[in-house]
């Protein structure tokens, strides 16, 4: 299966400038099993509390992305113990649905809004989901 790095897939400044990323993504080509759900998690720790001045940009990104075709969920939140950590959680129908997200106008606006901030580090991960399981102890 063809692979590419998250840096290549995200391509734009916000994610690539914060920290080197060595996470592999599956190709957008459909595998034998079909195009599977994709979950993306991003965690960025900023150097100071300036991220909170960007709440309107974060909210606009959440709202616009949630309306994209193939987006099942897109949510941002701040860490309860370290308010300078921003977390983003995304669920997409497939890699084919995710890839156009990086070229949207709201992604460009979001990255421009956050471009002046300094980050201590970033962790971004992409998961290809093969199946959903029942939650333990539910029954």
Protein backbone atom coordinates (compact mmCIF):
# COMPACT_ATOMS: atom_id res chain seq x y z
CA UNK A 1 0.00 0.00 0.00
CA UNK A 2 1.29 3.45 -0.81
CA UNK A 3 2.09 5.60 2.23
CA UNK A 4 2.83 9.28 2.69
CA UNK A 5 3.75 11.32 5.73
CA UNK A 6 1.35 13.55 7.57
CA UNK A 7 3.53 16.51 6.63
CA UNK A 8 2.90 15.81 2.96
CA UNK A 9 -0.81 15.32 3.50
CA UNK A 10 -1.38 18.40 5.63
CA UNK A 11 1.02 20.40 3.53
CA UNK A 12 0.06 23.78 4.96
CA UNK A 13 1.96 25.89 7.44
CA UNK A 14 0.07 25.47 10.72
CA UNK A 15 0.74 21.79 11.18
CA UNK A 16 4.09 21.53 9.44
CA UNK A 17 5.78 24.47 11.12
CA UNK A 18 5.15 23.49 14.74
CA UNK A 19 7.02 20.21 14.91
CA UNK A 20 8.44 17.53 12.65
CA UNK A 21 5.85 14.82 12.19
CA UNK A 22 6.66 11.22 11.37
CA UNK A 23 3.16 9.79 11.14
CA UNK A 24 2.26 7.75 8.08
CA UNK A 25 -1.05 8.09 6.28
CA UNK A 26 -2.65 5.49 4.09
CA UNK A 27 -2.92 6.37 0.44
CA UNK A 28 -6.23 7.79 -0.71
CA UNK A 29 -6.47 4.81 -3.06
CA UNK A 30 -9.20 2.43 -2.01
CA UNK A 31 -7.91 -0.83 -0.53
CA UNK A 32 -9.51 -4.25 -0.92
CA UNK A 33 -11.56 -3.53 2.20
CA UNK A 34 -12.84 -0.24 0.82
CA UNK A 35 -12.36 3.33 1.95
CA UNK A 36 -12.41 3.26 5.77
CA UNK A 37 -13.27 5.88 8.36
CA UNK A 38 -10.40 8.19 9.32
CA UNK A 39 -9.86 9.68 12.78
CA UNK A 40 -7.43 12.57 13.21
CA UNK A 41 -6.15 13.82 16.57
CA UNK A 42 -4.04 16.95 16.93
CA UNK A 43 -2.58 18.36 20.14
CA UNK A 44 -0.61 21.61 20.12
CA UNK A 45 0.94 23.18 23.21
CA UNK A 46 1.45 26.91 22.83
CA UNK A 47 4.14 28.88 24.66
CA UNK A 48 1.76 31.34 26.28
CA UNK A 49 -1.93 32.08 26.59
CA UNK A 50 -2.21 33.90 23.25
CA UNK A 51 -4.11 30.93 21.81
CA UNK A 52 -7.13 32.11 23.78
CA UNK A 53 -7.14 35.33 21.74
CA UNK A 54 -7.82 33.12 18.71
CA UNK A 55 -11.03 31.50 19.98
CA UNK A 56 -13.14 33.07 17.22
CA UNK A 57 -10.81 31.61 14.55
CA UNK A 58 -10.98 28.20 16.24
CA UNK A 59 -14.77 28.36 16.44
CA UNK A 60 -15.04 29.42 12.78
CA UNK A 61 -12.80 26.49 11.78
CA UNK A 62 -14.90 24.03 13.80
CA UNK A 63 -18.15 25.26 12.28
CA UNK A 64 -16.94 25.41 8.67
CA UNK A 65 -15.19 22.05 8.79
CA UNK A 66 -18.21 20.33 10.34
CA UNK A 67 -20.16 21.32 7.20
CA UNK A 68 -17.65 19.76 4.79
CA UNK A 69 -18.76 16.73 2.79
CA UNK A 70 -17.56 13.56 4.50
CA UNK A 71 -16.83 15.19 7.87
CA UNK A 72 -18.54 13.19 10.60
CA UNK A 73 -17.15 15.24 13.52
CA UNK A 74 -14.73 18.13 14.06
CA UNK A 75 -14.25 19.44 17.59
CA UNK A 76 -11.64 21.62 19.28
CA UNK A 77 -11.06 21.93 23.02
CA UNK A 78 -8.56 23.18 25.56
CA UNK A 79 -6.88 20.88 28.09
CA UNK A 80 -8.36 21.06 31.61
CA UNK A 81 -4.96 21.03 33.36
CA UNK A 82 -2.96 23.06 30.82
CA UNK A 83 -5.10 25.69 29.07
CA UNK A 84 -2.32 26.36 26.54
CA UNK A 85 -2.92 22.96 24.91
CA UNK A 86 -5.38 22.96 22.04
CA UNK A 87 -6.80 19.60 20.96
CA UNK A 88 -8.59 18.90 17.70
CA UNK A 89 -10.57 15.70 17.12
CA UNK A 90 -11.82 14.81 13.66
CA UNK A 91 -13.78 11.93 12.13
CA UNK A 92 -14.03 11.56 8.35
CA UNK A 93 -15.89 9.09 6.15
CA UNK A 94 -12.64 8.27 4.32
CA UNK A 95 -9.21 9.56 3.36
CA UNK A 96 -10.79 10.76 0.12
CA UNK A 97 -13.14 12.92 2.19
CA UNK A 98 -10.32 14.26 4.39
CA UNK A 99 -7.81 15.30 1.72
CA UNK A 100 -9.79 18.24 0.22
CA UNK A 101 -10.11 19.71 3.74
CA UNK A 102 -6.50 20.93 3.59
CA UNK A 103 -7.19 23.13 0.56
CA UNK A 104 -10.33 24.85 1.89
CA UNK A 105 -10.52 28.61 2.41
CA UNK A 106 -11.37 28.14 6.10
CA UNK A 107 -8.17 26.09 6.58
CA UNK A 108 -6.16 28.93 5.04
CA UNK A 109 -7.96 31.47 7.27
CA UNK A 110 -7.36 29.31 10.36
CA UNK A 111 -3.67 28.92 9.63
CA UNK A 112 -3.28 32.63 8.94
CA UNK A 113 -5.00 33.48 12.24
CA UNK A 114 -2.69 31.17 14.23
CA UNK A 115 0.50 31.86 12.26
CA UNK A 116 1.87 34.40 14.75
CA UNK A 117 1.66 32.01 17.71
CA UNK A 118 4.63 30.06 19.04
CA UNK A 119 4.22 26.42 19.90
CA UNK A 120 6.26 24.25 22.24
CA UNK A 121 5.30 21.17 20.29
CA UNK A 122 2.66 19.30 18.42
CA UNK A 123 1.44 15.73 18.14
CA UNK A 124 -0.77 14.86 15.18
CA UNK A 125 -2.02 11.37 14.42
CA UNK A 126 -4.20 9.81 11.76
CA UNK A 127 -5.97 6.49 12.28
CA UNK A 128 -7.70 4.32 9.72
CA UNK A 129 -10.60 2.56 11.44
CA UNK A 130 -11.42 -1.00 10.45
CA UNK A 131 -14.45 -1.44 12.70
CA UNK A 132 -16.40 0.10 15.56
CA UNK A 133 -16.72 -2.03 18.66
CA UNK A 134 -19.37 -1.91 21.37
CA UNK A 135 -18.38 0.13 24.40
CA UNK A 136 -17.19 -2.12 27.28
CA UNK A 137 -19.63 -2.66 30.17
CA UNK A 138 -22.63 -1.54 28.14
CA UNK A 139 -25.33 -3.99 28.06
